[in-house]
Amino acid sequence: MMRAKADKAGRDLRFDYVPIDSYEKRALCECGGELQSCGGRLRTNPALYLHRCKGCDKRYQLDTIYPRVIHRERKI
């Protein structure tokens, strides 16, 4: 654990280093191809993001952008 200087209110802050694992989550099409974000977004609530299959060019509207990186605390 690491100690930092006091903040503006005079409180001491502490930082904890936790080991993590990182994963890339990919969305796959029915044909087996990987979906790639087109960069477009629909102004719906919740927002939908436009994706295209690299294999068959089919278009999808997903609720998050893929591929994405996920961080999880490592189980020791």
N, C-alpha and C. Protein backbone atom coordinates (compact mmCIF):
# COMPACT_ATOMS: atom_id res chain seq x y z
N MET A 1 0.85 -1.17 0.00
CA MET A 1 0.00 0.00 0.00
C MET A 1 0.89 1.23 0.00
N MET A 2 0.42 2.29 -0.64
CA MET A 2 1.20 3.49 -0.80
C MET A 2 0.47 4.68 -0.18
N ARG A 3 1.19 5.53 0.49
CA ARG A 3 0.58 6.73 1.07
C ARG A 3 0.87 7.92 0.18
N ALA A 4 -0.07 8.82 0.10
CA ALA A 4 0.09 10.03 -0.70
C ALA A 4 0.03 11.24 0.23
N LYS A 5 0.38 12.37 -0.31
CA LYS A 5 0.29 13.61 0.46
C LYS A 5 -1.17 13.90 0.79
N ALA A 6 -1.37 14.72 1.78
CA ALA A 6 -2.73 15.08 2.18
C ALA A 6 -3.41 15.86 1.07
N ASP A 7 -4.72 15.66 0.94
CA ASP A 7 -5.49 16.43 -0.04
C ASP A 7 -5.81 17.81 0.54
N LYS A 8 -6.59 18.60 -0.17
CA LYS A 8 -6.90 19.97 0.25
C LYS A 8 -7.59 20.03 1.60
N ALA A 9 -8.33 19.00 1.96
CA ALA A 9 -9.03 18.98 3.24
C ALA A 9 -8.13 18.45 4.36
N GLY A 10 -6.89 18.10 4.04
CA GLY A 10 -5.97 17.63 5.05
C GLY A 10 -6.05 16.14 5.32
N ARG A 11 -6.82 15.40 4.53
CA ARG A 11 -6.94 13.95 4.73
C ARG A 11 -5.81 13.24 4.01
N ASP A 12 -5.31 12.18 4.64
CA ASP A 12 -4.32 11.34 3.98
C ASP A 12 -5.03 10.37 3.04
N LEU A 13 -4.48 10.21 1.87
CA LEU A 13 -5.04 9.27 0.90
C LEU A 13 -4.18 8.03 0.86
N ARG A 14 -4.81 6.90 0.57
CA ARG A 14 -4.09 5.64 0.41
C ARG A 14 -4.44 5.05 -0.95
N PHE A 15 -3.48 4.36 -1.51
CA PHE A 15 -3.68 3.69 -2.79
C PHE A 15 -3.33 2.23 -2.61
N ASP A 16 -4.12 1.38 -3.19
CA ASP A 16 -3.91 -0.05 -3.11
C ASP A 16 -3.69 -0.57 -4.53
N TYR A 17 -2.68 -1.38 -4.72
CA TYR A 17 -2.42 -1.98 -6.02
C TYR A 17 -3.01 -3.39 -6.03
N VAL A 18 -3.87 -3.64 -6.98
CA VAL A 18 -4.56 -4.92 -7.08
C VAL A 18 -4.19 -5.56 -8.42
N PRO A 19 -3.72 -6.80 -8.41
CA PRO A 19 -3.43 -7.46 -9.69
C PRO A 19 -4.72 -7.72 -10.48
N ILE A 20 -4.64 -7.48 -11.78
CA ILE A 20 -5.82 -7.68 -12.63
C ILE A 20 -5.45 -8.53 -13.84
N ASP A 21 -6.46 -9.07 -14.45
CA ASP A 21 -6.34 -9.75 -15.74
C ASP A 21 -7.15 -8.94 -16.74
N SER A 22 -6.62 -8.78 -17.94
CA SER A 22 -7.32 -8.06 -19.01
C SER A 22 -7.73 -9.03 -20.09
N TYR A 23 -8.94 -8.84 -20.61
CA TYR A 23 -9.49 -9.69 -21.66
C TYR A 23 -10.06 -8.81 -22.76
N GLU A 24 -9.99 -9.28 -23.99
CA GLU A 24 -10.67 -8.60 -25.09
C GLU A 24 -11.94 -9.39 -25.39
N LYS A 25 -13.07 -8.71 -25.33
CA LYS A 25 -14.37 -9.33 -25.61
C LYS A 25 -14.75 -8.95 -27.04
N ARG A 26 -15.01 -9.96 -27.85
CA ARG A 26 -15.38 -9.74 -29.26
C ARG A 26 -16.79 -10.22 -29.51
N ALA A 27 -17.51 -9.53 -30.34
CA ALA A 27 -18.85 -9.95 -30.77
C ALA A 27 -18.69 -10.69 -32.10
N LEU A 28 -19.39 -11.82 -32.22
CA LEU A 28 -19.28 -12.64 -33.43
C LEU A 28 -20.61 -12.73 -34.14
N CYS A 29 -20.55 -12.70 -35.45
CA CYS A 29 -21.72 -12.82 -36.32
C CYS A 29 -22.16 -14.28 -36.40
N GLU A 30 -23.36 -14.49 -36.94
CA GLU A 30 -23.87 -15.84 -37.17
C GLU A 30 -22.95 -16.63 -38.10
N CYS A 31 -22.27 -15.93 -39.02
CA CYS A 31 -21.38 -16.61 -39.97
C CYS A 31 -20.03 -16.95 -39.35
N GLY A 32 -19.78 -16.46 -38.13
CA GLY A 32 -18.50 -16.70 -37.46
C GLY A 32 -17.52 -15.56 -37.58
N GLY A 33 -17.85 -14.56 -38.40
CA GLY A 33 -16.98 -13.40 -38.56
C GLY A 33 -17.05 -12.47 -37.35
N GLU A 34 -16.01 -11.70 -37.16
CA GLU A 34 -15.96 -10.77 -36.03
C GLU A 34 -16.67 -9.45 -36.40
N LEU A 35 -17.43 -8.92 -35.43
CA LEU A 35 -18.08 -7.62 -35.64
C LEU A 35 -17.10 -6.52 -35.29
N GLN A 36 -17.11 -5.48 -36.11
CA GLN A 36 -16.25 -4.33 -35.91
C GLN A 36 -17.11 -3.08 -35.87
N SER A 37 -16.82 -2.19 -34.93
CA SER A 37 -17.58 -0.94 -34.82
C SER A 37 -17.38 -0.10 -36.07
N CYS A 38 -18.47 0.49 -36.57
CA CYS A 38 -18.41 1.38 -37.73
C CYS A 38 -18.17 2.83 -37.30
N GLY A 39 -18.24 3.08 -35.99
CA GLY A 39 -18.06 4.44 -35.49
C GLY A 39 -19.35 5.22 -35.38
N GLY A 40 -20.47 4.68 -35.87
CA GLY A 40 -21.74 5.37 -35.81
C GLY A 40 -22.52 5.04 -34.55
N ARG A 41 -23.41 5.95 -34.17
CA ARG A 41 -24.24 5.77 -32.98
C ARG A 41 -25.64 6.27 -33.25
N LEU A 42 -26.63 5.50 -32.83
CA LEU A 42 -28.01 5.94 -32.94
C LEU A 42 -28.39 6.69 -31.67
N ARG A 43 -29.09 7.79 -31.81
CA ARG A 43 -29.47 8.61 -30.66
C ARG A 43 -30.74 8.07 -30.02
N THR A 44 -30.64 6.86 -29.52
CA THR A 44 -31.76 6.23 -28.82
C THR A 44 -31.42 6.19 -27.33
N ASN A 45 -32.36 5.78 -26.53
CA ASN A 45 -32.11 5.64 -25.11
C ASN A 45 -32.46 4.22 -24.69
N PRO A 46 -31.51 3.35 -24.41
CA PRO A 46 -30.07 3.59 -24.41
C PRO A 46 -29.51 3.67 -25.82
N ALA A 47 -28.32 4.24 -25.93
CA ALA A 47 -27.67 4.41 -27.24
C ALA A 47 -27.38 3.06 -27.89
N LEU A 48 -27.44 3.01 -29.21
CA LEU A 48 -27.08 1.81 -29.96
C LEU A 48 -25.92 2.17 -30.88
N TYR A 49 -24.95 1.26 -30.99
CA TYR A 49 -23.74 1.50 -31.77
C TYR A 49 -23.74 0.59 -33.00
N LEU A 50 -23.36 1.14 -34.13
CA LEU A 50 -23.39 0.42 -35.40
C LEU A 50 -22.14 -0.43 -35.57
N HIS A 51 -22.34 -1.68 -35.99
CA HIS A 51 -21.26 -2.63 -36.21
C HIS A 51 -21.46 -3.32 -37.55
N ARG A 52 -20.35 -3.82 -38.11
CA ARG A 52 -20.39 -4.53 -39.39
C ARG A 52 -19.55 -5.80 -39.24
N CYS A 53 -20.06 -6.89 -39.80
CA CYS A 53 -19.33 -8.16 -39.79
C CYS A 53 -18.20 -8.10 -40.81
N LYS A 54 -17.01 -8.51 -40.39
CA LYS A 54 -15.86 -8.54 -41.30
C LYS A 54 -15.98 -9.66 -42.33
N GLY A 55 -16.78 -10.69 -42.01
CA GLY A 55 -16.90 -11.84 -42.90
C GLY A 55 -17.96 -11.67 -43.98
N CYS A 56 -19.20 -11.31 -43.57
CA CYS A 56 -20.31 -11.29 -44.53
C CYS A 56 -20.90 -9.88 -44.75
N ASP A 57 -20.36 -8.87 -44.06
CA ASP A 57 -20.78 -7.48 -44.21
C ASP A 57 -22.18 -7.20 -43.64
N LYS A 58 -22.73 -8.13 -42.86
CA LYS A 58 -24.03 -7.90 -42.24
C LYS A 58 -23.90 -6.79 -41.19
N ARG A 59 -24.96 -5.98 -41.05
CA ARG A 59 -24.95 -4.84 -40.12
C ARG A 59 -25.71 -5.18 -38.84
N TYR A 60 -25.20 -4.66 -37.71
CA TYR A 60 -25.81 -4.88 -36.40
C TYR A 60 -25.88 -3.56 -35.64
N GLN A 61 -26.83 -3.48 -34.71
CA GLN A 61 -26.95 -2.36 -33.76
C GLN A 61 -26.83 -2.97 -32.36
N LEU A 62 -25.74 -2.63 -31.66
CA LEU A 62 -25.46 -3.22 -30.35
C LEU A 62 -25.43 -2.14 -29.28
N ASP A 63 -25.65 -2.56 -28.03
CA ASP A 63 -25.73 -1.59 -26.94
C ASP A 63 -24.37 -1.17 -26.37
N THR A 64 -23.28 -1.72 -26.91
CA THR A 64 -21.93 -1.31 -26.51
C THR A 64 -21.00 -1.47 -27.71
N ILE A 65 -19.83 -0.90 -27.62
CA ILE A 65 -18.88 -0.94 -28.73
C ILE A 65 -17.97 -2.16 -28.58
N TYR A 66 -17.84 -2.92 -29.66
CA TYR A 66 -16.97 -4.10 -29.69
C TYR A 66 -15.93 -3.92 -30.77
N PRO A 67 -14.73 -4.50 -30.63
CA PRO A 67 -14.27 -5.23 -29.47
C PRO A 67 -14.03 -4.29 -28.29
N ARG A 68 -14.04 -4.84 -27.09
CA ARG A 68 -13.82 -4.05 -25.88
C ARG A 68 -12.90 -4.79 -24.93
N VAL A 69 -12.20 -4.05 -24.11
CA VAL A 69 -11.27 -4.64 -23.15
C VAL A 69 -11.95 -4.64 -21.78
N ILE A 70 -11.89 -5.78 -21.11
CA ILE A 70 -12.49 -5.95 -19.80
C ILE A 70 -11.36 -6.25 -18.81
N HIS A 71 -11.40 -5.56 -17.68
CA HIS A 71 -10.42 -5.78 -16.62
C HIS A 71 -11.13 -6.42 -15.43
N ARG A 72 -10.55 -7.48 -14.91
CA ARG A 72 -11.11 -8.17 -13.74
C ARG A 72 -10.01 -8.38 -12.71
N GLU A 73 -10.40 -8.26 -11.45
CA GLU A 73 -9.44 -8.51 -10.38
C GLU A 73 -9.00 -9.97 -10.43
N ARG A 74 -7.70 -10.18 -10.35
CA ARG A 74 -7.16 -11.53 -10.41
C ARG A 74 -7.46 -12.28 -9.13
N LYS A 75 -7.95 -13.50 -9.25
CA LYS A 75 -8.22 -14.34 -8.09
C LYS A 75 -6.92 -15.04 -7.70
N ILE A 76 -6.56 -14.86 -6.47
CA ILE A 76 -5.28 -15.42 -6.01
C ILE A 76 -5.52 -16.73 -5.29
